[in-house]
Amino acid sequence: MADTTSISVITSGVQMMKMSHSTNREAEGGSHEAVGTESKEGRPRDLLMLNWDSDSDSDSDSDSGLEDLPPIPDPAKVNLEEWERVMTLHSMPYGQDLDSLPAKYDPTPENPKPRRLVYGIPVTGEALFDYAEWAGLVEYMYVGRGKWKRPNPFSLHKAVDLLSDYCRFDMCLETPYLCLSTRHRIIEMWNNYNYTTCQTDAQFLADMTRFIQSELRLDEATTQPKWFFVYE
């Protein structure tokens, strides 16, 4: 549990530290558009995935009326917004985001192992990588017999670890059940199994959310914390 009096001290301290690096960050990264506002047409489609699994909740989350759903379109023939809309429908209920935790997913003695949901901020891989690169946390691994190098995906986790250190609040990185162009990952603050002990007061949560959005240069309107189903 975070000390709810510490966020202003933390953020002011971090801002002081960042002032000495801001010039370098701007010089290295140039202009950085808010995540969620850039052109969706420029997004690579291979970042989107639909994770089907065979398990289901005991009281069936959805009807079997797949015939009522629109067919999955050819991604080359529709815009990204339409493609994601249809994919979200096909992945219901697990592809949605939720403002509150449904009672059926709240663990109880009668329902000890419901499907896991996490509460957190949706982010893109690009936003996390840019932040990790700016902070000097990116590690590279070589592929193709050492001829090419690519970022180690654990660099993204290190970016979240740094945010956790700044906020003095334990957070981790999760993969959503359905990845969309504005949510490749979720910065998890708590989940349906630990929320009763990990959640903090509303003011601290709001301050921490704004701080993370500022650090990662996220669009506030599309990156509000919610409940998400995750890939398992």
C-alpha atoms as a PDB file:
ATOM      1  CA  MET A   1       0.000   0.000   0.000  1.00  0.00           C
ATOM      2  CA  ALA A   2       1.403   3.363  -0.955  1.00  0.00           C
ATOM      3  CA  ASP A   3       1.829   6.228   1.442  1.00  0.00           C
ATOM      4  CA  THR A   4      -0.891   8.565   0.188  1.00  0.00           C
ATOM      5  CA  THR A   5       1.002  11.623   1.387  1.00  0.00           C
ATOM      6  CA  SER A   6       4.075  10.867  -0.702  1.00  0.00           C
ATOM      7  CA  ILE A   7       2.928  11.317  -4.283  1.00  0.00           C
ATOM      8  CA  SER A   8       3.416  15.087  -4.405  1.00  0.00           C
ATOM      9  CA  VAL A   9       6.907  14.721  -2.936  1.00  0.00           C
ATOM     10  CA  ILE A  10       7.740  11.962  -5.401  1.00  0.00           C
ATOM     11  CA  THR A  11       6.465  13.766  -8.464  1.00  0.00           C
ATOM     12  CA  SER A  12       8.139  17.030  -7.565  1.00  0.00           C
ATOM     13  CA  GLY A  13      11.425  15.226  -7.012  1.00  0.00           C
ATOM     14  CA  VAL A  14      11.142  13.395 -10.302  1.00  0.00           C
ATOM     15  CA  GLN A  15      10.264  16.594 -12.136  1.00  0.00           C
ATOM     16  CA  MET A  16      13.388  18.237 -10.756  1.00  0.00           C
ATOM     17  CA  MET A  17      15.465  15.311 -11.973  1.00  0.00           C
ATOM     18  CA  LYS A  18      13.759  15.365 -15.360  1.00  0.00           C
ATOM     19  CA  MET A  19      14.497  19.044 -15.903  1.00  0.00           C
ATOM     20  CA  SER A  20      18.159  18.177 -16.312  1.00  0.00           C
ATOM     21  CA  HIS A  21      17.304  15.495 -18.874  1.00  0.00           C
ATOM     22  CA  SER A  22      14.431  17.114 -20.745  1.00  0.00           C
ATOM     23  CA  THR A  23      16.657  18.802 -23.298  1.00  0.00           C
ATOM     24  CA  ASN A  24      18.350  15.508 -24.124  1.00  0.00           C
ATOM     25  CA  ARG A  25      15.054  13.685 -24.345  1.00  0.00           C
ATOM     26  CA  GLU A  26      13.618  16.202 -26.784  1.00  0.00           C
ATOM     27  CA  ALA A  27      16.810  16.180 -28.813  1.00  0.00           C
ATOM     28  CA  GLU A  28      16.900  12.406 -29.003  1.00  0.00           C
ATOM     29  CA  GLY A  29      13.224  11.733 -29.495  1.00  0.00           C
ATOM     30  CA  GLY A  30      12.055  14.846 -31.287  1.00  0.00           C
ATOM     31  CA  SER A  31       8.360  15.536 -31.242  1.00  0.00           C
ATOM     32  CA  HIS A  32       6.347  12.776 -29.626  1.00  0.00           C
ATOM     33  CA  GLU A  33       2.650  12.609 -30.389  1.00  0.00           C
ATOM     34  CA  ALA A  34       0.285  11.613 -27.577  1.00  0.00           C
ATOM     35  CA  VAL A  35      -0.419   7.912 -27.687  1.00  0.00           C
ATOM     36  CA  GLY A  36      -3.918   7.252 -28.943  1.00  0.00           C
ATOM     37  CA  THR A  37      -4.005  10.377 -31.097  1.00  0.00           C
ATOM     38  CA  GLU A  38      -1.571   9.346 -33.827  1.00  0.00           C
ATOM     39  CA  SER A  39      -2.823   8.031 -37.154  1.00  0.00           C
ATOM     40  CA  LYS A  40      -4.233   4.567 -36.676  1.00  0.00           C
ATOM     41  CA  GLU A  41      -3.532   3.742 -40.307  1.00  0.00           C
ATOM     42  CA  GLY A  42       0.168   3.825 -39.488  1.00  0.00           C
ATOM     43  CA  ARG A  43      -0.127   1.061 -36.911  1.00  0.00           C
ATOM     44  CA  PRO A  44       1.299  -2.333 -37.901  1.00  0.00           C
ATOM     45  CA  ARG A  45      -1.499  -4.875 -37.887  1.00  0.00           C
ATOM     46  CA  ASP A  46       0.735  -7.610 -36.539  1.00  0.00           C
ATOM     47  CA  LEU A  47       0.600  -5.851 -33.165  1.00  0.00           C
ATOM     48  CA  LEU A  48      -3.046  -6.844 -32.936  1.00  0.00           C
ATOM     49  CA  MET A  49      -3.997 -10.315 -31.819  1.00  0.00           C
ATOM     50  CA  LEU A  50      -7.070 -12.203 -30.805  1.00  0.00           C
ATOM     51  CA  ASN A  51      -6.283 -14.728 -28.111  1.00  0.00           C
ATOM     52  CA  TRP A  52      -8.838 -17.489 -28.205  1.00  0.00           C
ATOM     53  CA  ASP A  53      -8.825 -19.985 -25.373  1.00  0.00           C
ATOM     54  CA  SER A  54     -10.945 -23.012 -24.546  1.00  0.00           C
ATOM     55  CA  ASP A  55     -11.772 -22.275 -20.924  1.00  0.00           C
ATOM     56  CA  SER A  56     -15.024 -20.627 -19.897  1.00  0.00           C
ATOM     57  CA  ASP A  57     -16.650 -19.462 -16.713  1.00  0.00           C
ATOM     58  CA  SER A  58     -19.048 -21.804 -14.998  1.00  0.00           C
ATOM     59  CA  ASP A  59     -22.083 -19.735 -15.908  1.00  0.00           C
ATOM     60  CA  SER A  60     -21.130 -19.013 -19.535  1.00  0.00           C
ATOM     61  CA  ASP A  61     -20.264 -15.376 -20.222  1.00  0.00           C
ATOM     62  CA  SER A  62     -21.731 -15.278 -23.689  1.00  0.00           C
ATOM     63  CA  ASP A  63     -24.336 -16.896 -25.875  1.00  0.00           C
ATOM     64  CA  SER A  64     -23.303 -19.185 -28.670  1.00  0.00           C
ATOM     65  CA  GLY A  65     -25.044 -16.987 -31.253  1.00  0.00           C
ATOM     66  CA  LEU A  66     -21.976 -16.253 -33.337  1.00  0.00           C
ATOM     67  CA  GLU A  67     -24.273 -16.065 -36.348  1.00  0.00           C
ATOM     68  CA  ASP A  68     -25.467 -12.690 -35.021  1.00  0.00           C
ATOM     69  CA  LEU A  69     -21.966 -11.225 -35.185  1.00  0.00           C
ATOM     70  CA  PRO A  70     -20.615  -9.497 -38.271  1.00  0.00           C
ATOM     71  CA  PRO A  71     -18.018 -11.595 -40.105  1.00  0.00           C
ATOM     72  CA  ILE A  72     -14.379 -10.848 -39.387  1.00  0.00           C
ATOM     73  CA  PRO A  73     -13.295  -8.625 -42.281  1.00  0.00           C
ATOM     74  CA  ASP A  74     -10.154  -8.802 -44.325  1.00  0.00           C
ATOM     75  CA  PRO A  75      -7.862  -6.299 -42.541  1.00  0.00           C
ATOM     76  CA  ALA A  76      -6.556  -5.167 -45.901  1.00  0.00           C
ATOM     77  CA  LYS A  77     -10.031  -4.055 -46.984  1.00  0.00           C
ATOM     78  CA  VAL A  78     -11.230  -2.075 -43.956  1.00  0.00           C
ATOM     79  CA  ASN A  79      -9.728   0.640 -41.820  1.00  0.00           C
ATOM     80  CA  LEU A  80      -8.151  -0.250 -38.508  1.00  0.00           C
ATOM     81  CA  GLU A  81     -10.972   1.245 -36.439  1.00  0.00           C
ATOM     82  CA  GLU A  82     -13.565  -1.000 -38.092  1.00  0.00           C
ATOM     83  CA  TRP A  83     -11.338  -4.068 -37.879  1.00  0.00           C
ATOM     84  CA  GLU A  84     -10.782  -3.544 -34.155  1.00  0.00           C
ATOM     85  CA  ARG A  85     -14.495  -2.958 -33.577  1.00  0.00           C
ATOM     86  CA  VAL A  86     -15.396  -6.321 -35.109  1.00  0.00           C
ATOM     87  CA  MET A  87     -12.580  -8.145 -33.354  1.00  0.00           C
ATOM     88  CA  THR A  88     -13.746  -6.718 -30.026  1.00  0.00           C
ATOM     89  CA  LEU A  89     -17.255  -8.023 -30.677  1.00  0.00           C
ATOM     90  CA  HIS A  90     -15.917 -11.481 -31.497  1.00  0.00           C
ATOM     91  CA  SER A  91     -13.829 -11.590 -28.341  1.00  0.00           C
ATOM     92  CA  MET A  92     -16.604 -10.546 -25.977  1.00  0.00           C
ATOM     93  CA  PRO A  93     -16.783 -10.454 -23.075  1.00  0.00           C
ATOM     94  CA  TYR A  94     -13.024 -10.713 -22.672  1.00  0.00           C
ATOM     95  CA  GLY A  95     -12.113  -7.999 -25.171  1.00  0.00           C
ATOM     96  CA  GLN A  96     -13.912  -5.222 -23.327  1.00  0.00           C
ATOM     97  CA  ASP A  97     -12.685  -2.823 -20.674  1.00  0.00           C
ATOM     98  CA  LEU A  98     -14.764  -2.303 -17.538  1.00  0.00           C
ATOM     99  CA  ASP A  99     -15.254   0.649 -15.214  1.00  0.00           C
ATOM    100  CA  SER A 100     -16.003  -1.617 -12.255  1.00  0.00           C
ATOM    101  CA  LEU A 101     -15.336  -5.227 -11.311  1.00  0.00           C
ATOM    102  CA  PRO A 102     -18.326  -7.495 -12.025  1.00  0.00           C
ATOM    103  CA  ALA A 103     -19.464  -9.407  -8.953  1.00  0.00           C
ATOM    104  CA  LYS A 104     -18.978 -12.761 -10.695  1.00  0.00           C
ATOM    105  CA  TYR A 105     -15.217 -12.108 -10.890  1.00  0.00           C
ATOM    106  CA  ASP A 106     -14.829 -11.161  -7.229  1.00  0.00           C
ATOM    107  CA  PRO A 107     -13.315 -14.203  -5.471  1.00  0.00           C
ATOM    108  CA  THR A 108     -15.456 -15.630  -2.684  1.00  0.00           C
ATOM    109  CA  PRO A 109     -15.479 -18.939  -0.780  1.00  0.00           C
ATOM    110  CA  GLU A 110     -18.231 -20.049  -3.138  1.00  0.00           C
ATOM    111  CA  ASN A 111     -16.332 -18.774  -6.194  1.00  0.00           C
ATOM    112  CA  PRO A 112     -12.638 -19.077  -5.257  1.00  0.00           C
ATOM    113  CA  LYS A 113     -11.050 -19.051  -8.723  1.00  0.00           C
ATOM    114  CA  PRO A 114     -12.797 -16.678 -11.136  1.00  0.00           C
ATOM    115  CA  ARG A 115     -11.049 -15.536 -14.278  1.00  0.00           C
ATOM    116  CA  ARG A 116      -8.366 -12.948 -13.538  1.00  0.00           C
ATOM    117  CA  LEU A 117      -8.838  -9.275 -14.361  1.00  0.00           C
ATOM    118  CA  VAL A 118      -6.366  -6.480 -13.735  1.00  0.00           C
ATOM    119  CA  TYR A 119      -6.946  -2.824 -12.972  1.00  0.00           C
ATOM    120  CA  GLY A 120      -4.541  -0.481 -14.657  1.00  0.00           C
ATOM    121  CA  ILE A 121      -3.542   1.883 -17.438  1.00  0.00           C
ATOM    122  CA  PRO A 122      -3.542   0.751 -21.090  1.00  0.00           C
ATOM    123  CA  VAL A 123      -0.335   1.599 -22.954  1.00  0.00           C
ATOM    124  CA  THR A 124       1.371   0.874 -26.237  1.00  0.00           C
ATOM    125  CA  GLY A 125       4.689  -0.855 -26.619  1.00  0.00           C
ATOM    126  CA  GLU A 126       6.062   2.233 -28.344  1.00  0.00           C
ATOM    127  CA  ALA A 127       5.318   4.471 -25.352  1.00  0.00           C
ATOM    128  CA  LEU A 128       7.039   2.072 -22.957  1.00  0.00           C
ATOM    129  CA  PHE A 129      10.010   1.558 -25.243  1.00  0.00           C
ATOM    130  CA  ASP A 130      10.491   5.300 -25.777  1.00  0.00           C
ATOM    131  CA  TYR A 131      10.477   5.821 -22.023  1.00  0.00           C
ATOM    132  CA  ALA A 132      12.860   2.933 -21.363  1.00  0.00           C
ATOM    133  CA  GLU A 133      15.190   4.213 -24.069  1.00  0.00           C
ATOM    134  CA  TRP A 134      15.143   7.723 -22.649  1.00  0.00           C
ATOM    135  CA  ALA A 135      15.892   6.354 -19.165  1.00  0.00           C
ATOM    136  CA  GLY A 136      18.785   4.247 -20.464  1.00  0.00           C
ATOM    137  CA  LEU A 137      17.047   0.972 -19.602  1.00  0.00           C
ATOM    138  CA  VAL A 138      16.903  -0.621 -23.042  1.00  0.00           C
ATOM    139  CA  GLU A 139      18.924  -3.776 -23.512  1.00  0.00           C
ATOM    140  CA  TYR A 140      19.411  -5.394 -26.889  1.00  0.00           C
ATOM    141  CA  MET A 141      19.637  -9.019 -27.869  1.00  0.00           C
ATOM    142  CA  TYR A 142      21.250 -10.248 -31.057  1.00  0.00           C
ATOM    143  CA  VAL A 143      19.431 -12.422 -33.572  1.00  0.00           C
ATOM    144  CA  GLY A 144      20.460 -13.998 -36.853  1.00  0.00           C
ATOM    145  CA  ARG A 145      23.862 -15.177 -35.625  1.00  0.00           C
ATOM    146  CA  GLY A 146      24.624 -11.813 -34.110  1.00  0.00           C
ATOM    147  CA  LYS A 147      24.117  -9.805 -37.279  1.00  0.00           C
ATOM    148  CA  TRP A 148      21.062  -7.895 -36.089  1.00  0.00           C
ATOM    149  CA  LYS A 149      19.977  -6.699 -32.707  1.00  0.00           C
ATOM    150  CA  ARG A 150      16.526  -5.988 -31.367  1.00  0.00           C
ATOM    151  CA  PRO A 151      15.258  -4.576 -28.049  1.00  0.00           C
ATOM    152  CA  ASN A 152      14.906  -7.093 -25.271  1.00  0.00           C
ATOM    153  CA  PRO A 153      11.186  -7.144 -24.320  1.00  0.00           C
ATOM    154  CA  PHE A 154      12.165  -7.095 -20.657  1.00  0.00           C
ATOM    155  CA  SER A 155      13.144  -3.469 -21.225  1.00  0.00           C
ATOM    156  CA  LEU A 156       9.425  -2.645 -21.138  1.00  0.00           C
ATOM    157  CA  HIS A 157       9.126  -4.246 -17.702  1.00  0.00           C
ATOM    158  CA  LYS A 158      12.076  -2.157 -16.530  1.00  0.00           C
ATOM    159  CA  ALA A 159      10.219   0.985 -17.598  1.00  0.00           C
ATOM    160  CA  VAL A 160       7.303  -0.024 -15.352  1.00  0.00           C
ATOM    161  CA  ASP A 161       9.708  -0.868 -12.523  1.00  0.00           C
ATOM    162  CA  LEU A 162      11.084   2.665 -12.770  1.00  0.00           C
ATOM    163  CA  LEU A 163       7.586   4.134 -12.569  1.00  0.00           C
ATOM    164  CA  SER A 164       6.922   1.931  -9.539  1.00  0.00           C
ATOM    165  CA  ASP A 165      10.051   3.253  -7.844  1.00  0.00           C
ATOM    166  CA  TYR A 166       9.048   6.860  -8.531  1.00  0.00           C
ATOM    167  CA  CYS A 167       5.523   6.354  -7.190  1.00  0.00           C
ATOM    168  CA  ARG A 168       6.518   3.976  -4.381  1.00  0.00           C
ATOM    169  CA  PHE A 169       3.711   1.731  -5.498  1.00  0.00           C
ATOM    170  CA  ASP A 170       4.186  -1.791  -6.840  1.00  0.00           C
ATOM    171  CA  MET A 171       3.047  -2.145 -10.452  1.00  0.00           C
ATOM    172  CA  CYS A 172       3.688  -4.715 -13.144  1.00  0.00           C
ATOM    173  CA  LEU A 173       3.112  -5.241 -16.854  1.00  0.00           C
ATOM    174  CA  GLU A 174       0.375  -7.494 -18.247  1.00  0.00           C
ATOM    175  CA  THR A 175      -0.796  -8.464 -21.728  1.00  0.00           C
ATOM    176  CA  PRO A 176      -4.490  -7.784 -22.379  1.00  0.00           C
ATOM    177  CA  TYR A 177      -6.698 -10.571 -23.680  1.00  0.00           C
ATOM    178  CA  LEU A 178      -7.269  -8.533 -26.826  1.00  0.00           C
ATOM    179  CA  CYS A 179      -4.472  -6.231 -27.955  1.00  0.00           C
ATOM    180  CA  LEU A 180      -5.659  -3.120 -29.766  1.00  0.00           C
ATOM    181  CA  SER A 181      -3.764  -0.277 -31.375  1.00  0.00           C
ATOM    182  CA  THR A 182      -4.007   1.810 -28.203  1.00  0.00           C
ATOM    183  CA  ARG A 183      -3.387  -1.035 -25.751  1.00  0.00           C
ATOM    184  CA  HIS A 184      -0.582  -3.476 -26.315  1.00  0.00           C
ATOM    185  CA  ARG A 185       0.004  -3.812 -22.566  1.00  0.00           C
ATOM    186  CA  ILE A 186      -1.627  -2.905 -19.245  1.00  0.00           C
ATOM    187  CA  ILE A 187       0.285  -1.318 -16.374  1.00  0.00           C
ATOM    188  CA  GLU A 188      -1.343  -3.293 -13.562  1.00  0.00           C
ATOM    189  CA  MET A 189      -1.945  -1.565 -10.256  1.00  0.00           C
ATOM    190  CA  TRP A 190      -3.961  -4.402  -8.728  1.00  0.00           C
ATOM    191  CA  ASN A 191      -6.155  -7.310  -9.778  1.00  0.00           C
ATOM    192  CA  ASN A 192      -9.367  -8.973  -8.666  1.00  0.00           C
ATOM    193  CA  TYR A 193      -7.462 -11.237  -6.268  1.00  0.00           C
ATOM    194  CA  ASN A 194      -5.574  -8.543  -4.344  1.00  0.00           C
ATOM    195  CA  TYR A 195      -7.565  -5.341  -4.843  1.00  0.00           C
ATOM    196  CA  THR A 196      -8.936  -5.303  -1.296  1.00  0.00           C
ATOM    197  CA  THR A 197      -5.426  -4.863   0.097  1.00  0.00           C
ATOM    198  CA  CYS A 198      -3.649  -3.077  -2.766  1.00  0.00           C
ATOM    199  CA  GLN A 199      -6.043  -0.382  -3.896  1.00  0.00           C
ATOM    200  CA  THR A 200      -5.389   3.123  -2.648  1.00  0.00           C
ATOM    201  CA  ASP A 201      -7.509   6.198  -2.126  1.00  0.00           C
ATOM    202  CA  ALA A 202      -8.990   8.078  -5.049  1.00  0.00           C
ATOM    203  CA  GLN A 203      -6.747  11.135  -4.800  1.00  0.00           C
ATOM    204  CA  PHE A 204      -3.516   9.144  -4.764  1.00  0.00           C
ATOM    205  CA  LEU A 205      -4.771   7.046  -7.693  1.00  0.00           C
ATOM    206  CA  ALA A 206      -5.628  10.187  -9.679  1.00  0.00           C
ATOM    207  CA  ASP A 207      -2.230  11.753  -8.951  1.00  0.00           C
ATOM    208  CA  MET A 208      -0.377   8.559  -9.830  1.00  0.00           C
ATOM    209  CA  THR A 209      -2.361   8.151 -13.051  1.00  0.00           C
ATOM    210  CA  ARG A 210      -1.582  11.710 -14.168  1.00  0.00           C
ATOM    211  CA  PHE A 211       2.080  11.204 -13.326  1.00  0.00           C
ATOM    212  CA  ILE A 212       2.322   8.001 -15.400  1.00  0.00           C
ATOM    213  CA  GLN A 213       0.448   9.610 -18.286  1.00  0.00           C
ATOM    214  CA  SER A 214       2.861  12.541 -18.169  1.00  0.00           C
ATOM    215  CA  GLU A 215       5.973  10.359 -17.984  1.00  0.00           C
ATOM    216  CA  LEU A 216       4.880   8.174 -20.911  1.00  0.00           C
ATOM    217  CA  ARG A 217       3.283  11.073 -22.811  1.00  0.00           C
ATOM    218  CA  LEU A 218      -0.073   9.347 -23.013  1.00  0.00           C
ATOM    219  CA  ASP A 219      -3.371  10.774 -24.131  1.00  0.00           C
ATOM    220  CA  GLU A 220      -5.383  11.203 -20.935  1.00  0.00           C
ATOM    221  CA  ALA A 221      -8.750  10.596 -22.585  1.00  0.00           C
ATOM    222  CA  THR A 222      -7.847   7.128 -23.898  1.00  0.00           C
ATOM    223  CA  THR A 223      -5.611   5.881 -21.086  1.00  0.00           C
ATOM    224  CA  GLN A 224      -7.756   6.104 -17.980  1.00  0.00           C
ATOM    225  CA  PRO A 225      -7.316   3.127 -15.622  1.00  0.00           C
ATOM    226  CA  LYS A 226      -9.966   0.413 -15.965  1.00  0.00           C
ATOM    227  CA  TRP A 227     -10.481  -3.294 -15.467  1.00  0.00           C
ATOM    228  CA  PHE A 228      -9.149  -5.522 -18.245  1.00  0.00           C
ATOM    229  CA  PHE A 229      -9.188  -9.234 -18.952  1.00  0.00           C
ATOM    230  CA  VAL A 230      -5.670 -10.497 -19.519  1.00  0.00           C
ATOM    231  CA  TYR A 231      -4.127 -13.238 -21.591  1.00  0.00           C
ATOM    232  CA  GLU A 232      -3.548 -16.415 -19.591  1.00  0.00           C
END
